[in-house]
N, C-alpha and C. Protein backbone atom coordinates (compact mmCIF):
# COMPACT_ATOMS: atom_id res chain seq x y z
N MET A 1 77.74 68.06 99.87
CA MET A 1 79.13 68.41 99.74
C MET A 1 79.22 69.81 99.15
N LEU A 2 80.13 70.60 99.68
CA LEU A 2 80.32 71.97 99.21
C LEU A 2 81.48 72.04 98.22
N LYS A 3 81.28 72.77 97.12
CA LYS A 3 82.34 72.98 96.14
C LYS A 3 83.08 74.26 96.53
N PHE A 4 84.41 74.17 96.61
CA PHE A 4 85.23 75.29 97.02
C PHE A 4 86.18 75.63 95.89
N LYS A 5 86.20 76.89 95.48
CA LYS A 5 87.07 77.33 94.39
C LYS A 5 88.43 77.73 94.95
N VAL A 6 89.47 77.10 94.41
CA VAL A 6 90.83 77.32 94.89
C VAL A 6 91.56 78.25 93.93
N ILE A 7 92.20 79.26 94.48
CA ILE A 7 93.05 80.15 93.70
C ILE A 7 94.46 79.58 93.75
N THR A 8 95.04 79.37 92.57
CA THR A 8 96.37 78.78 92.50
C THR A 8 97.44 79.85 92.69
N LYS A 9 98.67 79.38 92.90
CA LYS A 9 99.82 80.27 93.03
C LYS A 9 100.74 80.03 91.85
N GLU A 10 101.13 81.11 91.17
CA GLU A 10 101.98 80.99 90.00
C GLU A 10 103.43 80.73 90.42
N TRP A 11 104.08 79.78 89.74
CA TRP A 11 105.49 79.48 89.97
C TRP A 11 106.09 79.04 88.65
N LEU A 12 106.96 79.87 88.08
CA LEU A 12 107.53 79.65 86.76
C LEU A 12 106.39 79.49 85.75
N ASP A 13 106.36 78.36 85.00
CA ASP A 13 105.28 78.13 84.04
C ASP A 13 104.15 77.29 84.63
N ASN A 14 104.19 77.07 85.93
CA ASN A 14 103.20 76.21 86.58
C ASN A 14 102.30 77.01 87.51
N GLU A 15 101.15 76.43 87.74
CA GLU A 15 100.24 76.92 88.77
C GLU A 15 100.24 75.87 89.87
N LEU A 16 100.48 76.29 91.10
CA LEU A 16 100.52 75.38 92.24
C LEU A 16 99.16 75.37 92.92
N VAL A 17 98.63 74.17 93.12
CA VAL A 17 97.36 74.01 93.82
C VAL A 17 97.69 73.62 95.25
N THR A 18 97.32 74.47 96.19
CA THR A 18 97.59 74.19 97.60
C THR A 18 96.28 74.03 98.37
N SER A 19 96.38 73.36 99.48
CA SER A 19 95.18 73.08 100.26
C SER A 19 94.73 74.30 101.06
N PRO A 20 93.46 74.66 100.93
CA PRO A 20 92.94 75.77 101.73
C PRO A 20 92.47 75.32 103.12
N PHE A 21 92.47 74.00 103.35
CA PHE A 21 91.98 73.43 104.61
C PHE A 21 92.94 72.37 105.12
N SER A 22 92.86 72.10 106.41
CA SER A 22 93.50 70.92 106.98
C SER A 22 92.49 69.79 106.93
N GLY A 23 92.97 68.58 106.64
CA GLY A 23 92.06 67.45 106.60
C GLY A 23 92.67 66.24 105.92
N THR A 24 91.80 65.40 105.37
CA THR A 24 92.20 64.15 104.74
C THR A 24 91.73 64.13 103.30
N VAL A 25 92.59 63.65 102.41
CA VAL A 25 92.23 63.52 100.99
C VAL A 25 91.30 62.31 100.87
N GLU A 26 90.05 62.56 100.54
CA GLU A 26 89.07 61.48 100.40
C GLU A 26 89.11 60.85 99.01
N GLU A 27 89.25 61.72 97.99
CA GLU A 27 89.23 61.20 96.62
C GLU A 27 90.00 62.14 95.70
N ILE A 28 90.71 61.55 94.75
CA ILE A 28 91.39 62.29 93.69
C ILE A 28 90.56 62.10 92.43
N LEU A 29 90.10 63.20 91.85
CA LEU A 29 89.14 63.15 90.74
C LEU A 29 89.80 63.30 89.37
N VAL A 30 91.11 63.50 89.33
CA VAL A 30 91.83 63.75 88.08
C VAL A 30 93.06 62.86 88.00
N GLU A 31 93.69 62.85 86.82
CA GLU A 31 94.90 62.05 86.62
C GLU A 31 95.97 62.94 85.99
N PRO A 32 97.26 62.59 86.19
CA PRO A 32 98.32 63.34 85.53
C PRO A 32 98.10 63.37 84.01
N ASN A 33 98.52 64.45 83.40
CA ASN A 33 98.41 64.69 81.95
C ASN A 33 96.99 64.98 81.50
N GLN A 34 96.06 65.13 82.41
CA GLN A 34 94.68 65.47 82.07
C GLN A 34 94.58 66.98 81.87
N ARG A 35 93.79 67.40 80.88
CA ARG A 35 93.55 68.83 80.66
C ARG A 35 92.66 69.35 81.79
N ILE A 36 93.06 70.48 82.34
CA ILE A 36 92.32 71.13 83.42
C ILE A 36 91.85 72.49 82.93
N VAL A 37 90.57 72.75 83.10
CA VAL A 37 90.02 74.07 82.78
C VAL A 37 89.36 74.63 84.03
N GLU A 38 89.14 75.93 84.01
CA GLU A 38 88.54 76.58 85.17
C GLU A 38 87.26 75.89 85.60
N GLY A 39 87.13 75.65 86.89
CA GLY A 39 85.93 75.04 87.45
C GLY A 39 85.97 73.54 87.58
N VAL A 40 86.98 72.89 86.99
CA VAL A 40 87.10 71.43 87.08
C VAL A 40 87.46 71.05 88.52
N SER A 41 86.74 70.09 89.07
CA SER A 41 87.04 69.60 90.42
C SER A 41 88.22 68.64 90.39
N LEU A 42 89.17 68.86 91.31
CA LEU A 42 90.37 68.06 91.35
C LEU A 42 90.37 67.03 92.47
N PHE A 43 89.93 67.45 93.65
CA PHE A 43 90.02 66.61 94.84
C PHE A 43 88.79 66.77 95.72
N ILE A 44 88.57 65.76 96.56
CA ILE A 44 87.59 65.89 97.64
C ILE A 44 88.37 65.74 98.94
N LEU A 45 88.26 66.76 99.79
CA LEU A 45 88.91 66.74 101.09
C LEU A 45 87.86 66.67 102.19
N LYS A 46 88.18 65.94 103.22
CA LYS A 46 87.35 65.94 104.43
C LYS A 46 88.10 66.79 105.44
N THR A 47 87.50 67.92 105.81
CA THR A 47 88.17 68.85 106.71
C THR A 47 88.26 68.24 108.11
N ASP A 48 89.08 68.88 108.94
CA ASP A 48 89.21 68.44 110.34
C ASP A 48 87.88 68.50 111.09
N TYR A 49 86.93 69.27 110.55
CA TYR A 49 85.62 69.40 111.17
C TYR A 49 84.60 68.41 110.60
N GLY A 50 85.07 67.55 109.66
CA GLY A 50 84.21 66.51 109.11
C GLY A 50 83.42 66.90 107.88
N THR A 51 83.60 68.12 107.38
CA THR A 51 82.88 68.59 106.20
C THR A 51 83.61 68.15 104.93
N LEU A 52 82.87 67.60 103.96
CA LEU A 52 83.48 67.26 102.68
C LEU A 52 83.49 68.49 101.80
N ARG A 53 84.65 68.77 101.19
CA ARG A 53 84.82 69.91 100.30
C ARG A 53 85.39 69.43 98.98
N GLU A 54 84.72 69.78 97.90
CA GLU A 54 85.19 69.46 96.56
C GLU A 54 85.99 70.66 96.09
N LEU A 55 87.28 70.45 95.78
CA LEU A 55 88.16 71.55 95.42
C LEU A 55 88.24 71.69 93.90
N ALA A 56 87.93 72.89 93.41
CA ALA A 56 87.99 73.20 91.98
C ALA A 56 88.87 74.43 91.80
N VAL A 57 89.58 74.49 90.68
CA VAL A 57 90.48 75.62 90.44
C VAL A 57 89.77 76.71 89.63
N ILE A 58 90.23 77.95 89.84
CA ILE A 58 89.72 79.06 89.04
C ILE A 58 90.90 79.77 88.40
N GLY A 59 90.69 80.33 87.22
CA GLY A 59 91.71 81.11 86.54
C GLY A 59 92.85 80.29 85.96
N VAL A 60 92.62 78.99 85.72
CA VAL A 60 93.69 78.13 85.21
C VAL A 60 93.19 77.34 84.01
N ASP A 61 94.06 77.22 83.02
CA ASP A 61 93.80 76.40 81.85
C ASP A 61 95.12 75.74 81.48
N GLY A 62 95.20 74.42 81.62
CA GLY A 62 96.47 73.76 81.34
C GLY A 62 96.40 72.26 81.51
N ILE A 63 97.58 71.66 81.64
CA ILE A 63 97.71 70.21 81.78
C ILE A 63 98.19 69.90 83.20
N LEU A 64 97.52 68.96 83.85
CA LEU A 64 97.92 68.53 85.19
C LEU A 64 99.23 67.76 85.08
N GLU A 65 100.30 68.33 85.60
CA GLU A 65 101.61 67.70 85.50
C GLU A 65 101.86 66.72 86.64
N THR A 66 101.56 67.14 87.86
CA THR A 66 101.93 66.34 89.02
C THR A 66 100.82 66.37 90.06
N ILE A 67 100.55 65.20 90.63
CA ILE A 67 99.69 65.12 91.82
C ILE A 67 100.62 64.76 92.97
N ASN A 68 100.68 65.61 93.99
CA ASN A 68 101.63 65.47 95.07
C ASN A 68 101.08 64.76 96.30
N ILE A 69 99.88 64.22 96.19
CA ILE A 69 99.23 63.56 97.33
C ILE A 69 98.63 62.24 96.88
N LYS A 70 98.23 61.43 97.86
CA LYS A 70 97.51 60.18 97.61
C LYS A 70 96.22 60.21 98.43
N GLU A 71 95.26 59.39 98.03
CA GLU A 71 94.04 59.27 98.83
C GLU A 71 94.40 58.81 100.23
N ARG A 72 93.73 59.37 101.20
CA ARG A 72 93.89 59.11 102.64
C ARG A 72 95.06 59.86 103.26
N ASP A 73 95.79 60.64 102.45
CA ASP A 73 96.85 61.48 103.01
C ASP A 73 96.23 62.57 103.87
N THR A 74 96.95 62.96 104.91
CA THR A 74 96.56 64.09 105.75
C THR A 74 97.29 65.32 105.23
N VAL A 75 96.55 66.42 105.03
CA VAL A 75 97.14 67.66 104.54
C VAL A 75 96.84 68.79 105.52
N SER A 76 97.68 69.81 105.47
CA SER A 76 97.44 71.00 106.27
C SER A 76 97.26 72.19 105.33
N VAL A 77 96.86 73.31 105.88
CA VAL A 77 96.68 74.51 105.07
C VAL A 77 98.01 74.82 104.39
N GLY A 78 97.97 75.01 103.06
CA GLY A 78 99.16 75.35 102.30
C GLY A 78 99.90 74.15 101.73
N SER A 79 99.48 72.93 102.07
CA SER A 79 100.14 71.73 101.51
C SER A 79 99.99 71.73 99.99
N LEU A 80 101.08 71.39 99.29
CA LEU A 80 101.04 71.32 97.83
C LEU A 80 100.28 70.07 97.40
N LEU A 81 99.18 70.27 96.67
CA LEU A 81 98.35 69.16 96.21
C LEU A 81 98.70 68.74 94.79
N ALA A 82 98.93 69.73 93.90
CA ALA A 82 99.18 69.41 92.49
C ALA A 82 99.84 70.59 91.80
N GLN A 83 100.39 70.29 90.60
CA GLN A 83 100.98 71.33 89.76
C GLN A 83 100.35 71.24 88.37
N ILE A 84 99.94 72.38 87.86
CA ILE A 84 99.31 72.45 86.54
C ILE A 84 100.21 73.29 85.63
N LYS A 85 100.56 72.75 84.47
CA LYS A 85 101.32 73.50 83.46
C LYS A 85 100.37 74.49 82.83
N ASN A 86 100.59 75.76 83.11
CA ASN A 86 99.68 76.82 82.67
C ASN A 86 99.82 77.07 81.18
N GLU A 87 98.73 76.91 80.45
CA GLU A 87 98.71 77.20 79.01
C GLU A 87 97.95 78.47 78.72
N ASN A 88 97.50 79.15 79.73
CA ASN A 88 96.76 80.39 79.59
C ASN A 88 97.69 81.55 79.90
N VAL A 89 98.79 81.65 79.13
CA VAL A 89 99.82 82.66 79.39
C VAL A 89 99.56 83.87 78.50
N CYS A 90 99.50 85.04 79.09
CA CYS A 90 99.30 86.28 78.35
C CYS A 90 100.66 86.81 77.94
N SER A 91 100.79 87.20 76.69
CA SER A 91 102.06 87.79 76.26
C SER A 91 101.98 89.29 76.44
N LYS A 92 103.09 89.88 76.90
CA LYS A 92 103.15 91.32 77.11
C LYS A 92 103.79 91.96 75.90
N SER A 93 103.19 93.03 75.43
CA SER A 93 103.79 93.75 74.30
C SER A 93 104.77 94.79 74.84
N SER A 94 105.84 95.00 74.10
CA SER A 94 106.89 95.91 74.55
C SER A 94 106.52 97.34 74.24
């Protein structure tokens, strides 16, 4: 199985985890309210080509607020998988 690092998209105080592949959700490796740090694997997807991909986030440190999918769901590129409350917020000095 290949580990794939997912870059999240910032939205308000959350980081959105979207699918980089089309396929089927094989396994959810995390639970809501779980602390997420960079490199933690969140999901295992089986791509349309039959390859298993373990999805891990990069550049994120926070609490998993929402999981938007279930095991065996079919997802497409860009499907919203989860939302992480970002606690790694940099403050800007004036």
